[in-house]
N, C-alpha and C. Protein backbone atom coordinates (compact mmCIF):
# COMPACT_ATOMS: atom_id res chain seq x y z
N MET A 1 -21.17 -77.58 -5.99
CA MET A 1 -20.81 -76.69 -7.09
C MET A 1 -21.43 -76.82 -8.26
N ALA A 2 -21.66 -75.43 -8.36
CA ALA A 2 -22.50 -75.12 -9.76
C ALA A 2 -22.14 -75.17 -10.71
N PHE A 3 -22.55 -75.46 -11.81
CA PHE A 3 -21.98 -75.09 -13.44
C PHE A 3 -22.69 -74.09 -14.03
N GLN A 4 -22.10 -73.53 -14.81
CA GLN A 4 -23.19 -72.13 -15.48
C GLN A 4 -22.68 -72.38 -17.04
N ASN A 5 -23.66 -72.00 -17.58
CA ASN A 5 -23.55 -72.18 -19.44
C ASN A 5 -23.49 -70.36 -19.44
N SER A 6 -22.06 -70.23 -19.96
CA SER A 6 -21.90 -68.77 -20.70
C SER A 6 -22.77 -68.81 -21.94
N ALA A 7 -23.24 -69.19 -22.50
CA ALA A 7 -23.82 -69.04 -23.37
C ALA A 7 -25.67 -69.12 -23.35
N ILE A 8 -25.73 -69.58 -22.77
CA ILE A 8 -27.18 -69.13 -21.57
C ILE A 8 -27.10 -68.14 -21.19
N GLU A 9 -26.23 -67.70 -20.21
CA GLU A 9 -25.91 -66.63 -19.52
C GLU A 9 -26.09 -65.18 -20.49
N SER A 10 -25.10 -65.37 -21.59
CA SER A 10 -25.42 -64.26 -22.51
C SER A 10 -26.53 -63.92 -23.23
N GLU A 11 -27.14 -65.12 -23.32
CA GLU A 11 -28.45 -65.25 -24.61
C GLU A 11 -29.46 -64.50 -23.10
N GLN A 12 -29.04 -64.66 -21.92
CA GLN A 12 -30.01 -64.22 -21.13
C GLN A 12 -29.79 -62.68 -20.83
N ALA A 13 -28.44 -62.63 -20.64
CA ALA A 13 -27.90 -60.95 -20.30
C ALA A 13 -28.67 -60.34 -22.49
N ASP A 14 -28.70 -60.68 -23.49
CA ASP A 14 -29.46 -60.21 -24.81
C ASP A 14 -30.74 -59.58 -24.58
N TRP A 15 -31.47 -60.80 -24.05
CA TRP A 15 -33.26 -60.89 -23.45
C TRP A 15 -33.76 -59.62 -22.82
N GLN A 16 -32.83 -59.52 -21.64
CA GLN A 16 -32.64 -58.29 -20.21
C GLN A 16 -32.74 -57.23 -21.41
N ALA A 17 -31.49 -56.80 -21.87
CA ALA A 17 -31.25 -55.76 -22.82
C ALA A 17 -32.13 -55.21 -23.59
N ALA A 18 -32.94 -55.84 -24.21
CA ALA A 18 -33.61 -56.12 -24.71
C ALA A 18 -35.46 -55.65 -24.33
N GLU A 19 -35.14 -55.86 -22.99
CA GLU A 19 -36.59 -55.59 -22.34
C GLU A 19 -37.23 -54.33 -22.75
N SER A 20 -38.65 -54.39 -22.78
CA SER A 20 -39.23 -53.37 -22.50
C SER A 20 -39.68 -52.60 -21.09
N GLY A 21 -39.48 -51.48 -20.91
CA GLY A 21 -39.70 -51.26 -19.68
C GLY A 21 -40.96 -50.19 -19.49
N PHE A 22 -41.28 -49.77 -18.37
CA PHE A 22 -42.43 -48.82 -18.34
C PHE A 22 -41.81 -47.80 -17.37
N PHE A 23 -42.72 -46.90 -17.73
CA PHE A 23 -42.35 -45.47 -16.50
C PHE A 23 -43.65 -44.74 -16.14
N THR A 24 -43.32 -44.00 -15.34
CA THR A 24 -44.24 -43.02 -14.78
C THR A 24 -43.51 -41.25 -14.13
N TRP A 25 -43.43 -40.72 -14.81
CA TRP A 25 -43.50 -38.96 -14.79
C TRP A 25 -44.28 -38.87 -13.89
N ASP A 26 -44.30 -38.05 -12.73
CA ASP A 26 -44.66 -37.04 -11.74
C ASP A 26 -44.77 -35.78 -12.44
N ILE A 27 -45.63 -35.11 -13.21
CA ILE A 27 -44.91 -33.66 -13.81
C ILE A 27 -44.95 -32.51 -12.26
N VAL A 28 -45.57 -32.98 -11.66
CA VAL A 28 -45.56 -31.79 -10.76
C VAL A 28 -44.48 -31.75 -9.78
N ALA A 29 -43.88 -32.81 -9.74
CA ALA A 29 -42.71 -33.07 -8.72
C ALA A 29 -41.60 -33.19 -9.41
N ASN A 30 -41.88 -33.28 -11.24
CA ASN A 30 -40.72 -33.75 -12.08
C ASN A 30 -39.65 -34.67 -11.88
N LEU A 31 -40.52 -36.02 -11.26
CA LEU A 31 -39.24 -36.76 -11.21
C LEU A 31 -39.95 -38.01 -12.06
N LEU A 32 -39.05 -38.99 -12.57
CA LEU A 32 -39.64 -39.96 -13.77
C LEU A 32 -39.40 -41.29 -12.83
N TYR A 33 -39.90 -42.22 -12.74
CA TYR A 33 -39.84 -43.12 -11.82
C TYR A 33 -39.67 -44.45 -13.49
N ALA A 34 -39.08 -45.35 -13.03
CA ALA A 34 -38.67 -46.39 -14.40
C ALA A 34 -38.37 -47.76 -13.98
N ASP A 35 -38.59 -48.53 -14.58
CA ASP A 35 -38.06 -50.15 -14.08
C ASP A 35 -37.15 -50.22 -14.11
N GLY A 36 -36.14 -51.30 -14.39
CA GLY A 36 -34.54 -51.52 -14.49
C GLY A 36 -34.52 -51.65 -16.52
N ALA A 37 -35.45 -51.84 -16.90
CA ALA A 37 -35.49 -52.02 -18.19
C ALA A 37 -35.31 -50.34 -19.01
N VAL A 38 -35.83 -49.74 -18.53
CA VAL A 38 -36.09 -48.38 -18.91
C VAL A 38 -34.35 -47.69 -18.28
N ALA A 39 -34.06 -48.16 -17.38
CA ALA A 39 -32.49 -47.83 -16.86
C ALA A 39 -32.07 -48.06 -17.79
N GLU A 40 -31.82 -49.51 -18.36
CA GLU A 40 -30.69 -49.98 -19.27
C GLU A 40 -30.58 -49.32 -20.51
N LEU A 41 -32.23 -49.03 -21.26
CA LEU A 41 -32.57 -48.35 -22.83
C LEU A 41 -31.74 -47.39 -22.49
N PHE A 42 -31.61 -46.70 -20.90
CA PHE A 42 -31.26 -45.04 -20.90
C PHE A 42 -29.47 -44.87 -20.33
N GLY A 43 -29.40 -46.15 -20.09
CA GLY A 43 -27.87 -46.06 -19.15
C GLY A 43 -28.07 -45.77 -18.13
N LEU A 44 -28.74 -45.83 -17.34
CA LEU A 44 -29.07 -45.25 -16.20
C LEU A 44 -29.01 -46.61 -15.04
N ASP A 45 -28.56 -46.01 -13.96
CA ASP A 45 -28.62 -47.05 -12.76
C ASP A 45 -29.95 -46.95 -12.22
N TYR A 46 -30.30 -48.57 -12.28
CA TYR A 46 -32.12 -49.00 -11.95
C TYR A 46 -32.03 -48.39 -10.84
N VAL A 47 -31.59 -48.76 -9.44
CA VAL A 47 -31.87 -47.98 -8.29
C VAL A 47 -32.23 -46.98 -8.03
N LYS A 48 -31.58 -46.29 -9.34
CA LYS A 48 -31.71 -44.53 -9.48
C LYS A 48 -33.33 -44.20 -10.12
N THR A 49 -33.21 -45.07 -10.80
CA THR A 49 -34.35 -44.72 -12.19
C THR A 49 -35.46 -44.96 -11.34
N GLU A 50 -35.54 -46.24 -10.27
CA GLU A 50 -36.78 -46.73 -9.51
C GLU A 50 -37.31 -45.57 -8.32
N HIS A 51 -36.13 -44.80 -8.04
CA HIS A 51 -36.40 -43.77 -6.76
C HIS A 51 -36.80 -42.81 -7.60
N GLY A 52 -36.83 -42.50 -8.72
CA GLY A 52 -37.32 -41.69 -9.85
C GLY A 52 -36.24 -40.18 -9.54
N LEU A 53 -35.72 -39.82 -10.99
CA LEU A 53 -35.24 -38.83 -11.32
C LEU A 53 -35.54 -37.90 -12.00
N PRO A 54 -35.33 -36.71 -12.27
CA PRO A 54 -35.89 -35.88 -12.75
C PRO A 54 -35.89 -35.93 -14.31
N LEU A 55 -36.63 -35.50 -15.21
CA LEU A 55 -37.31 -35.40 -16.63
C LEU A 55 -35.68 -35.25 -17.04
N ASP A 56 -34.77 -34.22 -16.36
CA ASP A 56 -33.82 -33.50 -17.35
C ASP A 56 -32.66 -34.97 -17.54
N ILE A 57 -32.68 -35.32 -16.34
CA ILE A 57 -31.41 -36.38 -16.69
C ILE A 57 -31.99 -37.56 -18.26
N TYR A 58 -33.10 -37.68 -18.17
CA TYR A 58 -33.11 -38.66 -19.50
C TYR A 58 -33.44 -37.61 -20.63
N ILE A 59 -33.72 -36.53 -20.71
CA ILE A 59 -33.40 -35.65 -22.04
C ILE A 59 -32.23 -35.93 -22.38
N GLU A 60 -31.33 -35.85 -21.14
CA GLU A 60 -29.77 -35.61 -21.63
C GLU A 60 -29.18 -36.74 -22.20
N ARG A 61 -30.14 -38.09 -21.82
CA ARG A 61 -29.43 -39.26 -23.06
C ARG A 61 -30.35 -39.54 -23.80
N ILE A 62 -30.71 -38.95 -23.85
CA ILE A 62 -31.74 -38.50 -26.00
C ILE A 62 -30.74 -37.96 -27.09
N HIS A 63 -30.70 -38.37 -27.86
CA HIS A 63 -29.54 -38.25 -28.89
C HIS A 63 -29.84 -36.31 -29.20
N PRO A 64 -28.98 -36.06 -28.96
CA PRO A 64 -29.30 -34.22 -29.93
C PRO A 64 -29.79 -33.40 -30.72
N GLU A 65 -29.75 -34.68 -31.86
CA GLU A 65 -30.76 -34.37 -33.40
C GLU A 65 -32.29 -34.78 -33.12
N ASP A 66 -32.32 -35.61 -31.72
CA ASP A 66 -34.00 -36.00 -31.54
C ASP A 66 -34.37 -35.54 -30.32
N ARG A 67 -33.95 -34.34 -29.79
CA ARG A 67 -34.26 -33.95 -28.47
C ARG A 67 -35.62 -33.09 -28.77
N ALA A 68 -35.61 -32.37 -29.88
CA ALA A 68 -36.46 -31.33 -29.87
C ALA A 68 -37.74 -31.44 -30.00
N ASN A 69 -37.36 -32.89 -31.30
CA ASN A 69 -38.83 -33.42 -31.48
C ASN A 69 -39.41 -34.43 -30.58
N VAL A 70 -38.56 -34.84 -29.64
CA VAL A 70 -39.00 -35.44 -28.33
C VAL A 70 -39.58 -34.55 -27.53
N ALA A 71 -39.15 -33.47 -27.14
CA ALA A 71 -40.12 -32.58 -26.29
C ALA A 71 -41.34 -31.85 -26.78
N ALA A 72 -41.48 -31.80 -28.53
CA ALA A 72 -42.52 -31.50 -28.63
C ALA A 72 -43.78 -32.63 -29.00
N ALA A 73 -43.35 -33.79 -29.07
CA ALA A 73 -44.45 -34.88 -29.21
C ALA A 73 -44.76 -34.64 -27.88
N ILE A 74 -43.71 -34.76 -26.94
CA ILE A 74 -44.55 -34.83 -25.06
C ILE A 74 -45.25 -33.78 -24.91
N HIS A 75 -44.85 -32.44 -25.37
CA HIS A 75 -45.71 -31.26 -25.28
C HIS A 75 -46.47 -31.83 -25.81
N GLU A 76 -47.06 -31.80 -26.81
CA GLU A 76 -48.46 -31.57 -27.48
C GLU A 76 -49.03 -32.92 -27.02
N SER A 77 -48.77 -34.21 -26.69
CA SER A 77 -49.99 -35.13 -25.93
C SER A 77 -50.26 -35.26 -24.34
N ILE A 78 -49.34 -33.78 -23.91
CA ILE A 78 -49.91 -33.09 -22.79
C ILE A 78 -51.02 -32.45 -23.10
N ALA A 79 -50.69 -31.47 -23.49
CA ALA A 79 -51.83 -29.95 -24.30
C ALA A 79 -52.92 -31.02 -24.97
N THR A 80 -52.79 -31.86 -26.00
CA THR A 80 -53.93 -31.88 -26.32
C THR A 80 -54.77 -33.50 -25.41
N GLY A 81 -53.64 -33.99 -24.99
CA GLY A 81 -54.54 -35.39 -24.13
C GLY A 81 -54.81 -36.84 -24.95
N GLU A 82 -53.87 -36.18 -26.06
CA GLU A 82 -53.72 -37.80 -27.18
C GLU A 82 -52.45 -38.21 -26.71
N PRO A 83 -52.17 -39.89 -26.88
CA PRO A 83 -51.39 -40.41 -27.29
C PRO A 83 -50.29 -40.02 -27.53
N GLU A 84 -49.28 -40.44 -27.31
CA GLU A 84 -47.98 -40.39 -27.87
C GLU A 84 -47.19 -41.33 -28.61
N GLN A 85 -46.99 -41.45 -29.65
CA GLN A 85 -46.25 -42.21 -30.33
C GLN A 85 -45.14 -42.08 -31.14
N GLN A 86 -43.59 -42.48 -30.48
CA GLN A 86 -42.32 -41.87 -31.35
C GLN A 86 -41.23 -42.50 -31.57
N SER A 87 -40.45 -42.54 -32.00
CA SER A 87 -38.88 -43.52 -32.01
C SER A 87 -38.26 -42.34 -32.01
N TYR A 88 -36.81 -42.28 -31.03
CA TYR A 88 -35.70 -42.35 -31.22
C TYR A 88 -34.38 -42.66 -30.64
N ARG A 89 -33.43 -41.87 -30.53
CA ARG A 89 -32.49 -42.79 -30.09
C ARG A 89 -31.79 -42.57 -28.98
N THR A 90 -31.59 -43.36 -27.52
CA THR A 90 -31.02 -43.15 -26.72
C THR A 90 -29.68 -43.69 -26.38
N ARG A 91 -29.01 -42.73 -25.37
CA ARG A 91 -27.29 -43.10 -25.15
C ARG A 91 -27.46 -44.21 -24.38
N GLN A 92 -26.54 -45.28 -24.15
CA GLN A 92 -26.30 -46.60 -23.32
C GLN A 92 -25.46 -46.32 -22.29
N ALA A 93 -25.28 -47.10 -21.84
CA ALA A 93 -23.55 -46.77 -20.50
C ALA A 93 -22.55 -46.94 -20.92
N ASP A 94 -22.70 -47.68 -22.57
CA ASP A 94 -21.48 -47.68 -23.30
C ASP A 94 -21.27 -46.57 -23.97
N GLY A 95 -22.18 -45.76 -23.96
CA GLY A 95 -21.73 -44.30 -25.30
C GLY A 95 -22.72 -44.96 -26.21
N ARG A 96 -22.92 -45.70 -26.65
CA ARG A 96 -23.62 -46.20 -28.11
C ARG A 96 -25.38 -45.91 -28.29
N TYR A 97 -25.51 -45.07 -29.39
CA TYR A 97 -27.02 -45.07 -29.15
C TYR A 97 -27.76 -45.92 -28.97
N SER A 98 -29.02 -46.22 -29.61
CA SER A 98 -29.78 -47.00 -30.07
C SER A 98 -31.12 -46.97 -29.85
N TYR A 99 -32.02 -47.16 -30.66
CA TYR A 99 -33.32 -46.94 -31.09
C TYR A 99 -34.42 -47.65 -30.28
N VAL A 100 -35.28 -46.84 -29.95
CA VAL A 100 -36.23 -47.30 -29.14
C VAL A 100 -37.60 -46.59 -29.78
N MET A 101 -38.61 -47.23 -29.53
CA MET A 101 -40.11 -46.89 -29.82
C MET A 101 -40.92 -46.35 -28.10
N VAL A 102 -41.11 -45.06 -28.30
CA VAL A 102 -42.25 -44.61 -26.96
C VAL A 102 -43.81 -44.75 -27.28
N PHE A 103 -44.57 -45.18 -26.05
CA PHE A 103 -45.89 -44.98 -26.22
C PHE A 103 -46.36 -44.35 -24.77
N GLY A 104 -46.71 -43.21 -24.97
CA GLY A 104 -47.16 -42.71 -23.53
C GLY A 104 -48.07 -41.77 -23.46
N ARG A 105 -48.60 -41.33 -22.09
CA ARG A 105 -49.85 -40.72 -22.65
C ARG A 105 -50.08 -40.02 -20.92
N CYS A 106 -50.71 -38.64 -21.03
CA CYS A 106 -50.94 -37.54 -20.16
C CYS A 106 -52.25 -37.95 -19.16
N PHE A 107 -52.02 -38.20 -17.93
CA PHE A 107 -52.97 -38.07 -17.07
C PHE A 107 -53.50 -36.92 -16.26
N ARG A 108 -54.79 -36.63 -16.05
CA ARG A 108 -55.14 -35.22 -15.60
C ARG A 108 -55.43 -35.79 -14.04
N ASP A 109 -55.49 -34.90 -13.32
CA ASP A 109 -56.31 -35.17 -12.20
C ASP A 109 -57.73 -34.34 -12.48
N LYS A 110 -58.30 -34.44 -10.87
CA LYS A 110 -59.69 -34.21 -10.74
C LYS A 110 -59.73 -32.99 -11.66
N ALA A 111 -59.30 -31.79 -11.46
CA ALA A 111 -59.33 -30.19 -11.73
C ALA A 111 -59.08 -30.61 -13.09
N GLY A 112 -58.27 -31.42 -13.54
CA GLY A 112 -58.42 -31.35 -15.39
C GLY A 112 -56.62 -31.17 -14.96
N ILE A 113 -56.11 -30.88 -14.48
CA ILE A 113 -54.77 -30.64 -14.72
C ILE A 113 -53.76 -31.72 -14.56
N PRO A 114 -52.40 -31.82 -15.61
CA PRO A 114 -51.67 -32.87 -15.99
C PRO A 114 -51.18 -32.96 -15.05
N SER A 115 -51.35 -34.49 -14.40
CA SER A 115 -50.50 -35.02 -12.81
C SER A 115 -49.73 -35.90 -13.20
N LEU A 116 -49.86 -37.06 -14.31
CA LEU A 116 -48.89 -37.70 -14.04
C LEU A 116 -48.81 -38.23 -15.44
N TYR A 117 -47.98 -38.47 -16.41
CA TYR A 117 -47.19 -39.17 -17.52
C TYR A 117 -46.71 -40.96 -17.36
N ALA A 118 -47.66 -41.12 -18.41
CA ALA A 118 -47.00 -42.64 -18.26
C ALA A 118 -47.44 -43.50 -19.48
N GLY A 119 -46.14 -44.24 -19.61
CA GLY A 119 -45.67 -45.37 -20.97
C GLY A 119 -44.89 -46.10 -21.14
N ILE A 120 -44.67 -46.75 -22.06
CA ILE A 120 -43.64 -48.33 -22.39
C ILE A 120 -42.93 -47.38 -22.77
N ILE A 121 -41.05 -48.10 -23.08
CA ILE A 121 -40.66 -48.27 -23.95
C ILE A 121 -40.01 -49.23 -24.13
N CYS A 122 -40.02 -49.47 -25.29
CA CYS A 122 -39.76 -50.89 -26.30
C CYS A 122 -38.07 -50.53 -27.51
N PRO A 123 -36.94 -50.98 -27.14
CA PRO A 123 -36.07 -51.46 -27.83
C PRO A 123 -36.54 -51.80 -29.32
N VAL A 124 -35.75 -51.52 -30.38
CA VAL A 124 -36.43 -51.76 -31.91
C VAL A 124 -34.19 -51.50 -32.30
N SER A 125 -34.67 -52.51 -33.10
CA SER A 125 -32.97 -53.09 -33.67
C SER A 125 -32.55 -52.16 -34.95
N ASP A 126 -33.46 -51.71 -35.20
CA ASP A 126 -32.84 -50.64 -36.65
C ASP A 126 -33.56 -49.15 -36.20
N GLU A 127 -33.03 -48.55 -37.91
CA GLU A 127 -33.53 -47.10 -37.57
C GLU A 127 -35.43 -47.62 -37.60
N PRO A 128 -36.59 -47.10 -37.01
CA PRO A 128 -38.07 -48.04 -37.27
C PRO A 128 -38.10 -46.93 -38.78
N MET A 129 -38.87 -47.37 -39.20
CA MET A 129 -39.54 -46.49 -40.32
C MET A 129 -40.28 -45.56 -40.24
N LEU A 130 -40.91 -45.38 -39.10
CA LEU A 130 -41.35 -43.91 -38.80
C LEU A 130 -40.59 -42.80 -38.51
N THR A 131 -39.11 -43.36 -38.40
CA THR A 131 -37.98 -41.85 -38.10
C THR A 131 -37.74 -41.72 -39.84
N LYS A 132 -38.29 -42.29 -40.74
CA LYS A 132 -37.83 -42.06 -42.23
C LYS A 132 -38.61 -40.66 -42.55
N PRO A 133 -38.09 -39.56 -42.83
CA PRO A 133 -38.93 -38.40 -43.36
C PRO A 133 -40.20 -38.60 -44.07
N LEU A 134 -39.49 -39.37 -45.31
CA LEU A 134 -40.91 -39.48 -46.18
C LEU A 134 -42.39 -40.59 -46.02
N VAL A 135 -41.72 -41.25 -45.32
CA VAL A 135 -42.99 -42.06 -44.55
C VAL A 135 -43.76 -41.05 -43.38
N LYS A 136 -42.54 -40.69 -42.63
CA LYS A 136 -43.68 -39.45 -41.54
C LYS A 136 -44.67 -38.61 -42.25
N TYR A 137 -43.85 -37.93 -43.84
CA TYR A 137 -44.76 -37.07 -44.40
C TYR A 137 -46.15 -37.54 -44.88
N CYS A 138 -45.89 -38.74 -45.69
CA CYS A 138 -47.21 -39.41 -45.83
C CYS A 138 -47.68 -39.83 -44.76
N LEU A 139 -47.87 -40.11 -43.40
CA LEU A 139 -48.35 -40.74 -42.63
C LEU A 139 -49.46 -39.34 -42.02
N ALA A 140 -48.53 -38.32 -42.01
CA ALA A 140 -49.09 -36.83 -41.66
C ALA A 140 -50.33 -36.45 -42.65
N ALA A 141 -50.09 -37.03 -43.88
CA ALA A 141 -51.04 -36.29 -45.19
C ALA A 141 -52.10 -37.22 -45.10
N TYR A 142 -51.86 -38.42 -44.58
CA TYR A 142 -52.78 -39.79 -44.93
C TYR A 142 -53.68 -39.14 -43.70
N ASP A 143 -53.66 -38.87 -42.66
CA ASP A 143 -54.10 -38.32 -41.48
C ASP A 143 -55.17 -37.46 -41.69
N ILE A 144 -54.18 -36.34 -42.12
CA ILE A 144 -55.35 -35.19 -43.02
C ILE A 144 -56.32 -35.32 -44.21
N ALA A 145 -55.97 -36.49 -44.87
CA ALA A 145 -57.07 -36.98 -45.74
C ALA A 145 -58.19 -37.51 -44.90
N VAL A 146 -57.74 -38.29 -44.61
CA VAL A 146 -58.53 -39.25 -43.57
C VAL A 146 -60.03 -38.48 -42.78
N ARG A 147 -59.31 -37.61 -42.16
CA ARG A 147 -59.99 -36.39 -41.03
C ARG A 147 -60.87 -35.47 -41.65
N GLU A 148 -60.09 -35.03 -43.27
CA GLU A 148 -61.15 -34.48 -43.79
C GLU A 148 -62.23 -35.00 -44.73
N GLY A 149 -62.50 -36.49 -44.54
CA GLY A 149 -62.95 -37.44 -45.72
C GLY A 149 -62.74 -37.77 -46.81
N ASN A 150 -61.33 -37.36 -47.00
CA ASN A 150 -60.90 -37.61 -48.45
C ASN A 150 -60.49 -38.86 -49.23
N HIS A 151 -61.14 -39.81 -49.27
CA HIS A 151 -61.09 -41.11 -49.28
C HIS A 151 -59.78 -41.52 -50.26
N ALA A 152 -60.17 -40.95 -51.57
CA ALA A 152 -59.41 -41.20 -52.75
C ALA A 152 -57.86 -40.74 -52.54
N VAL A 153 -57.86 -39.50 -51.69
CA VAL A 153 -56.33 -39.28 -51.94
C VAL A 153 -55.68 -39.99 -50.72
N ALA A 154 -56.41 -40.29 -49.44
CA ALA A 154 -55.73 -41.44 -48.64
C ALA A 154 -55.84 -42.94 -49.44
N LYS A 155 -56.51 -43.30 -50.11
CA LYS A 155 -55.93 -44.33 -50.74
C LYS A 155 -54.81 -44.37 -51.80
N HIS A 156 -54.60 -43.40 -52.41
CA HIS A 156 -52.88 -43.27 -53.12
C HIS A 156 -52.11 -43.26 -52.00
N LEU A 157 -52.56 -42.25 -50.98
CA LEU A 157 -50.84 -42.22 -49.64
C LEU A 157 -51.15 -43.78 -49.54
N GLN A 158 -51.91 -44.55 -48.96
CA GLN A 158 -51.70 -45.78 -48.37
C GLN A 158 -51.09 -46.55 -49.32
N ALA A 159 -51.34 -46.70 -50.67
CA ALA A 159 -50.64 -46.81 -51.75
C ALA A 159 -49.09 -46.91 -51.87
N ALA A 160 -48.84 -45.32 -51.75
CA ALA A 160 -47.86 -44.86 -51.21
C ALA A 160 -46.49 -45.33 -50.43
N LEU A 161 -47.40 -45.58 -49.49
CA LEU A 161 -46.96 -46.08 -48.26
C LEU A 161 -46.73 -47.74 -48.45
N GLY A 162 -47.23 -48.21 -49.17
CA GLY A 162 -47.13 -49.83 -49.33
C GLY A 162 -46.04 -50.14 -49.92
N GLU A 163 -45.53 -49.21 -51.10
CA GLU A 163 -44.65 -48.96 -52.01
C GLU A 163 -43.40 -48.95 -51.15
N LEU A 164 -43.48 -47.73 -49.72
CA LEU A 164 -42.21 -47.66 -49.20
C LEU A 164 -41.83 -48.48 -48.08
N ASP A 165 -42.74 -49.88 -48.27
CA ASP A 165 -42.63 -50.72 -47.32
C ASP A 165 -42.67 -50.77 -45.66
N TRP A 166 -44.20 -49.98 -45.65
CA TRP A 166 -44.42 -49.57 -44.78
C TRP A 166 -45.57 -50.68 -44.04
N MET A 167 -45.49 -51.39 -43.10
CA MET A 167 -45.94 -51.97 -42.64
C MET A 167 -47.53 -51.49 -41.99
N LYS A 168 -48.59 -51.68 -42.98
CA LYS A 168 -49.71 -50.55 -42.53
C LYS A 168 -50.46 -51.43 -41.37
N PRO A 169 -50.90 -50.61 -39.74
CA PRO A 169 -51.29 -50.96 -38.81
C PRO A 169 -52.76 -51.35 -39.56
N ASP A 170 -53.73 -52.10 -38.51
CA ASP A 170 -54.65 -52.30 -38.59
C ASP A 170 -55.84 -50.95 -38.32
N GLY A 171 -56.88 -51.17 -39.33
CA GLY A 171 -57.59 -50.02 -39.61
C GLY A 171 -56.78 -48.63 -40.32
N LEU A 172 -55.76 -48.79 -41.16
CA LEU A 172 -55.21 -47.52 -41.21
C LEU A 172 -56.09 -46.85 -42.29
N LEU A 173 -57.17 -47.40 -42.84
CA LEU A 173 -58.04 -47.16 -44.20
C LEU A 173 -59.03 -47.79 -43.69
N ALA A 174 -60.03 -47.14 -43.15
CA ALA A 174 -61.23 -47.77 -43.08
C ALA A 174 -62.27 -47.96 -44.56
N ASN A 175 -62.32 -49.53 -45.04
CA ASN A 175 -62.81 -49.65 -46.46
C ASN A 175 -64.35 -49.34 -46.52
């Protein structure tokens, strides 16, 4: 006879629900393949996600207020070849929305045509700082200042981000 510890099982279930997941979108076939963690984060059946679902199924599970920004970020990443990093809310199986952080990138075939889009989706416990409008605007202004070589403005924006309790990533401003 096996004994089970419900506290351990509960902790295990919480850990599994909080796991990061991987996905690959076959752009040409419009099928997004994902692991069980992504299925959990989007409230989908894991067997179906492993066999590929149309991108629209995932888009429908994104909070309506976040969909336009998500679509724009993916489009921008495909068009420019730059990696995507964004945060948005996904609807889980129980109908609740929770925040995820996504890191993705488009890959092109030998002819340079976008063919695959792959990435990782990480659950986050609260609204990430990146979703707050003032932080977004300061980060965008900071990027422009650095690109244009205006280090004085970049330093002021870095200070403003510090006042907003923004955790600065490595290399935010080259000294």
